Protein backbone atom coordinates (compact mmCIF):
# COMPACT_ATOMS: atom_id res chain seq x y z
CA MET A 1 138.31 84.37 62.93
CA TYR A 2 138.69 82.24 59.71
CA LEU A 3 135.08 80.47 58.87
CA PRO A 4 135.12 77.56 55.86
CA PHE A 5 133.49 78.52 52.68
CA SER A 6 130.47 77.06 53.25
CA GLN A 7 130.13 78.29 57.01
CA ALA A 8 130.98 81.99 55.98
CA PRO A 9 127.44 82.94 54.46
CA HIS A 10 125.29 81.29 57.65
CA ALA A 11 127.84 83.52 59.34
CA ARG A 12 127.20 86.28 57.55
CA ARG A 13 123.47 86.41 57.86
CA ARG A 14 123.91 85.95 61.45
CA LEU A 15 126.16 88.92 61.87
CA VAL A 16 123.45 91.34 59.63
CA LEU A 17 120.71 89.78 61.30
CA GLN A 18 122.07 91.06 64.43
CA ARG A 19 123.08 94.15 63.98
CA MET A 20 119.71 94.73 62.12
CA ALA A 21 118.09 93.55 65.36
CA TRP A 22 119.95 96.06 67.76
CA LEU A 23 118.95 98.78 65.09
CA CYS A 24 115.14 97.29 65.84
CA ALA A 25 115.67 97.63 69.35
CA ALA A 26 117.26 101.12 69.16
CA LEU A 27 114.21 102.34 66.62
CA VAL A 28 111.58 100.60 69.52
CA LEU A 29 113.05 102.48 71.98
CA VAL A 30 112.32 105.81 70.38
CA ILE A 31 108.65 104.97 69.35
CA VAL A 32 108.05 104.08 73.19
CA VAL A 33 109.38 107.28 74.16
CA LEU A 34 107.83 109.30 71.68
CA SER A 35 105.05 107.81 72.13
CA ALA A 36 104.67 108.24 75.77
CA PHE A 37 105.84 112.26 74.96
CA ILE A 38 102.61 112.67 72.52
CA ARG A 39 100.25 110.85 75.13
CA LEU A 40 101.30 112.56 77.96
CA SER A 41 101.66 115.78 76.39
CA GLN A 42 97.89 115.34 75.84
CA ALA A 43 97.49 115.72 79.59
CA SER A 44 100.30 118.39 80.05
CA GLN A 45 100.12 122.15 80.38
CA ALA A 46 100.29 124.59 77.74
CA CYS A 47 104.22 124.90 77.96
CA GLU A 48 105.37 128.13 77.50
CA PRO A 49 108.95 128.98 76.79
CA GLY A 50 111.22 128.33 79.73
CA SER A 51 108.48 126.83 81.80
CA LEU A 52 108.48 123.24 83.46
CA CYS A 53 106.13 120.99 81.61
CA ARG A 54 104.21 118.70 84.23
CA VAL A 55 102.01 115.85 83.20
CA GLY A 56 98.39 116.82 83.88
CA ALA A 57 99.10 119.82 86.07
CA VAL A 58 96.62 121.80 84.36
CA ARG A 59 94.12 121.16 81.56
CA MET A 60 93.86 123.62 79.00
CA GLU A 61 91.50 123.24 75.67
CA PRO A 62 93.09 124.90 72.89
CA ASP A 63 91.29 127.38 70.60
CA ALA A 64 89.16 126.52 67.62
CA GLY A 65 92.25 128.16 65.26
CA GLN A 66 95.11 126.75 67.58
CA SER A 67 97.59 124.78 66.02
CA PRO A 68 99.23 121.97 67.71
CA ARG A 69 101.97 122.61 69.78
CA ALA A 70 105.44 122.70 67.66
CA GLY A 71 106.90 119.83 69.79
CA VAL A 72 103.71 117.47 69.70
CA ALA A 73 103.70 117.83 66.04
CA MET A 74 107.55 117.24 65.67
CA ALA A 75 106.59 114.01 67.83
CA ARG A 76 103.93 112.82 65.67
CA LEU A 77 106.20 113.11 62.40
CA GLY A 78 108.74 111.38 64.59
CA HIS A 79 106.96 108.95 65.51
CA ARG A 80 105.39 108.23 61.86
CA VAL A 81 108.89 107.82 60.20
CA VAL A 82 110.65 105.83 62.93
CA ALA A 83 107.43 103.65 63.33
CA SER A 84 107.38 102.94 59.44
CA THR A 85 111.09 102.67 59.19
CA ALA A 86 111.13 100.01 62.24
CA LEU A 87 108.36 98.38 60.35
CA LEU A 88 110.26 97.64 56.78
CA LEU A 89 113.64 96.61 59.16
CA VAL A 90 111.06 94.04 60.74
CA VAL A 91 110.20 92.57 57.28
CA ALA A 92 113.57 92.53 55.93
CA MET A 93 114.73 90.45 58.97
CA THR A 94 112.02 88.00 58.37
CA GLY A 95 112.94 87.86 55.38
CA LEU A 96 116.64 87.18 55.88
CA ALA A 97 115.80 84.63 58.87
CA LEU A 98 113.16 82.81 56.52
CA ALA A 99 116.14 82.70 53.36
CA SER A 100 118.32 80.78 55.47
CA GLY A 101 116.55 77.33 54.94
CA GLY A 102 115.82 76.22 58.40
CA ARG A 103 119.27 77.36 59.94
CA LEU A 104 117.47 80.46 61.64
CA ARG A 105 114.70 78.99 62.58
CA GLY A 106 114.36 80.58 65.87
CA GLU A 107 115.56 83.43 64.71
CA ALA A 108 112.86 83.23 62.13
CA ARG A 109 110.09 82.63 64.82
CA LEU A 110 111.16 85.99 66.93
CA ALA A 111 111.43 87.81 63.55
CA LEU A 112 107.39 86.64 62.48
CA THR A 113 106.28 87.39 66.30
CA LEU A 114 107.74 90.73 65.93
CA LEU A 115 106.29 91.42 62.33
CA GLY A 116 103.06 90.58 64.24
CA LEU A 117 103.72 92.89 66.76
CA ALA A 118 104.03 95.66 64.58
CA LEU A 119 101.33 95.15 62.29
CA PHE A 120 98.88 95.23 65.76
CA LEU A 121 100.35 98.29 66.80
CA ALA A 122 100.01 99.65 63.48
CA VAL A 123 96.39 98.54 63.68
CA LEU A 124 96.15 99.75 67.03
CA GLY A 125 97.27 103.22 66.45
CA ARG A 126 94.64 103.72 63.25
CA TRP A 127 91.57 102.27 65.81
CA GLY A 128 92.53 103.93 68.60
CA GLY A 129 93.69 107.37 67.49
CA GLN A 130 93.87 109.89 70.40
CA SER A 131 91.52 107.92 72.56
CA ARG A 132 91.99 107.99 76.21
CA LEU A 133 90.92 104.61 77.24
CA PRO A 134 93.49 102.80 79.74
CA ALA A 135 93.06 99.86 77.19
CA VAL A 136 94.57 101.50 74.25
CA THR A 137 97.07 102.96 76.60
CA LEU A 138 97.97 99.80 77.86
CA GLY A 139 97.95 97.97 74.30
CA ASN A 140 100.46 100.32 72.78
CA LEU A 141 102.80 100.51 75.90
CA LEU A 142 102.87 96.89 76.84
CA GLY A 143 103.02 96.43 72.65
CA GLY A 144 105.98 98.44 72.30
CA PHE A 145 108.14 97.06 75.08
CA ALA A 146 107.22 93.34 74.06
CA MET A 147 108.72 94.65 70.54
CA TYR A 148 111.80 96.01 72.12
CA ALA A 149 112.30 92.94 74.14
CA LEU A 150 112.10 90.56 71.27
CA SER A 151 114.58 92.59 69.40
CA VAL A 152 117.07 92.33 71.73
CA ARG A 153 116.14 88.77 72.37
CA LEU A 154 116.72 88.50 68.75
CA ALA A 155 120.17 90.42 68.48
CA LEU A 156 121.26 87.98 71.56
CA MET A 157 119.99 84.95 69.69
CA ALA A 158 122.15 85.36 66.37
CA GLY A 159 124.68 86.78 68.02
CA ARG A 160 125.17 83.09 69.35
CA THR A 161 128.36 81.28 68.21
CA ASP A 162 128.43 78.29 70.67
CA ALA A 163 125.44 76.82 72.64
CA SER A 164 127.31 75.18 74.80
CA ASN A 165 129.03 78.34 76.15
CA VAL A 166 125.88 79.55 77.58
CA GLN A 167 125.66 80.29 81.07
CA ALA A 168 122.02 80.35 82.30
CA ALA A 169 121.06 82.78 84.91
CA PRO A 170 119.10 81.77 87.77
CA ALA A 171 116.01 80.29 85.74
CA PRO A 172 113.51 80.89 89.00
CA TRP A 173 114.66 84.29 90.24
CA LEU A 174 115.54 85.47 86.91
CA GLY A 175 111.60 84.50 85.95
CA VAL A 176 110.34 86.04 88.84
CA ALA A 177 111.92 89.27 88.31
CA LEU A 178 110.92 89.24 84.65
CA ALA A 179 107.35 88.42 85.36
CA LEU A 180 107.41 91.17 87.65
CA THR A 181 108.94 93.92 85.25
CA TRP A 182 106.03 93.35 83.07
CA VAL A 183 103.42 93.57 85.92
CA GLN A 184 104.98 96.87 86.81
CA VAL A 185 105.18 98.40 83.26
CA ALA A 186 101.42 97.30 82.88
CA LEU A 187 100.75 99.34 86.64
CA GLY A 188 102.80 102.23 85.38
CA GLY A 189 100.52 102.43 82.10
CA LEU A 190 97.61 102.39 84.57
CA VAL A 191 98.70 105.11 86.56
CA SER A 192 99.53 107.27 83.33
CA ALA A 193 96.51 106.11 81.92
CA GLY A 194 94.40 107.06 84.90
CA GLN A 195 95.95 110.08 85.62
CA ALA A 196 96.87 108.68 89.28
CA GLY A 197 100.59 109.99 89.34
CA LEU A 198 100.37 112.20 92.61
CA SER A 199 97.48 110.01 93.82
CA CYS A 200 100.22 109.30 96.74
CA PRO A 201 102.01 112.20 97.06
CA ALA A 202 103.85 110.73 99.99
CA LEU A 203 105.26 107.33 101.47
CA GLY A 204 102.91 108.17 104.61
CA ALA A 205 100.16 110.34 102.96
CA CYS A 206 98.41 107.78 100.71
CA ASP A 207 95.15 106.51 101.82
CA TRP A 208 94.85 103.08 99.48
CA ARG A 209 90.66 103.23 101.55
CA ALA A 210 90.32 106.20 99.53
CA GLY A 211 91.02 104.53 96.11
CA SER A 212 88.92 103.01 93.96
CA TRP A 213 89.59 99.10 92.28
CA GLN A 214 88.17 100.73 89.00
CA ALA A 215 90.88 101.94 88.19
CA LEU A 216 92.41 98.86 87.57
CA ASN A 217 89.76 98.13 84.93
CA PRO A 218 91.75 98.98 81.48
CA TRP A 219 87.83 99.33 79.74
CA VAL A 220 86.53 101.99 81.93
CA LEU A 221 87.38 105.65 80.40
CA PRO A 222 88.71 108.11 83.16
CA ALA A 223 86.76 111.35 83.75
CA ALA A 224 88.17 114.21 81.46
CA ASP A 225 88.17 116.63 84.24
CA LEU A 226 90.77 114.41 86.26
CA LEU A 227 93.71 115.77 87.88
CA PRO A 228 96.72 113.70 89.20
CA THR A 229 95.93 114.56 92.91
CA HIS A 230 92.73 112.84 92.77
CA ALA A 231 92.21 110.31 95.62
CA GLU A 232 90.41 107.54 93.45
CA GLY A 233 93.95 106.25 92.14
CA ALA A 234 95.43 105.35 94.91
CA VAL A 235 95.01 102.07 94.93
CA VAL A 236 97.11 101.45 91.30
CA HIS A 237 99.48 103.95 92.74
CA LEU A 238 100.16 101.73 96.07
CA LEU A 239 100.14 98.58 93.72
CA HIS A 240 102.59 100.53 91.48
CA ARG A 241 105.21 101.13 94.24
CA TRP A 242 104.72 97.77 95.96
CA CYS A 243 105.10 95.87 92.85
CA GLY A 244 108.57 98.05 92.53
CA LEU A 245 109.70 97.64 95.80
CA ALA A 246 109.42 93.51 95.08
CA LEU A 247 110.91 93.72 92.04
CA ALA A 248 113.95 95.81 94.03
CA LEU A 249 114.16 92.92 96.22
CA VAL A 250 114.11 89.67 93.64
CA LEU A 251 116.98 92.39 91.78
CA CYS A 252 118.88 92.64 94.77
CA ARG A 253 118.98 88.89 95.33
CA LEU A 254 119.82 88.05 91.18
CA SER A 255 122.59 91.01 91.72
CA TRP A 256 124.17 89.24 94.48
CA GLN A 257 124.15 85.67 92.66
CA GLU A 258 125.76 87.55 89.03
CA TRP A 259 128.28 88.79 91.87
CA ARG A 260 129.17 85.57 93.57
CA ARG A 261 129.56 84.20 89.55
CA GLY A 262 132.31 87.22 88.92
CA ARG A 263 129.44 88.42 86.59
CA ARG A 264 130.08 91.92 88.56
CA ALA A 265 129.27 94.20 85.94
CA VAL A 266 126.02 92.74 85.25
CA ALA A 267 125.61 92.84 89.38
CA ALA A 268 126.27 96.73 89.00
CA TRP A 269 123.07 96.87 86.61
CA LEU A 270 121.00 95.10 88.62
CA LEU A 271 121.64 97.42 91.88
CA GLY A 272 122.04 100.27 89.60
CA LEU A 273 118.46 100.39 87.71
CA PRO A 274 116.44 99.74 90.18
CA LEU A 275 118.00 102.42 92.14
CA LEU A 276 117.57 104.77 89.20
CA LEU A 277 114.17 103.79 89.03
CA VAL A 278 113.50 104.92 92.08
CA ALA A 279 115.42 107.96 92.53
CA LEU A 280 113.28 109.14 89.29
CA GLY A 281 110.02 108.58 90.82
CA VAL A 282 110.43 110.06 93.85
CA VAL A 283 112.16 113.07 91.83
CA GLN A 284 109.43 113.33 89.53
CA ILE A 285 106.37 113.36 92.46
CA GLY A 286 108.45 115.82 94.55
CA LEU A 287 108.50 118.16 91.34
CA GLN A 288 104.94 117.39 90.40
CA LEU A 289 105.24 115.08 87.53
CA PRO A 290 107.83 117.15 85.17
CA LEU A 291 107.36 115.18 81.65
CA ALA A 292 111.07 114.98 81.07
CA MET A 293 111.54 113.15 84.32
CA VAL A 294 108.29 110.56 83.16
CA LEU A 295 110.20 109.61 79.84
CA ALA A 296 113.40 109.26 81.60
CA HIS A 297 111.55 106.66 83.60
CA ASN A 298 110.10 104.71 81.07
CA ALA A 299 113.56 104.43 78.93
CA VAL A 300 115.18 103.19 81.81
CA SER A 301 112.58 100.28 82.53
CA ALA A 302 112.95 99.27 78.96
CA LEU A 303 116.82 99.20 79.59
CA LEU A 304 116.30 97.15 82.86
CA LEU A 305 114.23 94.44 80.68
CA ALA A 306 117.02 94.36 78.46
CA VAL A 307 119.45 93.43 81.00
CA LEU A 308 117.45 91.14 82.34
CA LEU A 309 116.97 89.08 79.01
CA GLY A 310 120.52 89.19 78.13
CA MET A 311 121.51 87.74 81.51
CA GLY A 312 120.31 83.55 80.65
CA ARG A 313 123.11 83.62 77.70
CA SER A 314 126.62 84.70 76.86
CA GLU A 315 126.37 85.88 73.06
CA PRO A 316 128.64 88.73 72.10
CA GLY A 317 126.83 92.03 72.23
CA TYR A 318 126.00 90.78 76.26
CA ALA A 319 129.27 89.24 77.18
CA GLY A 320 130.66 92.93 77.30
CA LEU A 321 128.70 93.66 80.40
CA ARG A 322 130.33 91.03 82.50
């Protein structure tokens, strides 16, 4: 499409900012997965070649002279490189948005928020280190998901061409779905940090009365010898399941509404992603928490968040999902 000369630089800035934001979202997703891999590997058995690594199945203390597993060491290196790259990209996006002279005011606010989150996570990483405190786990997890969400939102906002063409999704149901998604992510972090992954091995074999509400306190350090089967984690595990069920019902309602509006692909995503999350949850419990399944669960949750964030707009980049 031809653009007047006076509008071309502004349109080019938007296009560059949109591409940078999508790249940032991809980098943040890699960071989230690598961070989860590093954290969960600390609670995993020493994985021998050909064995299936399971979260928290066996705790083994390394010998004094033993070096860290090559996979974890590579993940740490990759995490630092990708996180540094993402930080530089956020700084560049912030500078580009601020240099627009007010034309990208909304984008500049999002970029500044992204920069603040990136600095917060950098400080938390230096301060928290390898801390097992659930509050540190939640800070890293929710901060990473928030950076991913803001990157997706920035990409969608930068790709906007005509505000009058925006087709907002049903606000109340979308708001409820987003709120439940964030609560579900937080509860999942508490399940992971509190080693409660197998506290409810089956739907009919979960005694919430044996659980402890202390598992919901992120400032309580879990015992060092906890295994994922400990009964005290039943409360947080059940809350994670119930919240997931509530979210699935809300997503079904949203999917039906999107189908009626002719957005068939979006409706399919809203049905398929929660089904995939449920399937991953059932499989990972049945297989005693294989690390790969847990990481996939995190990645699909982030993808669901991206779909929900895009529902309120019809910018390029999301319109292709219709």
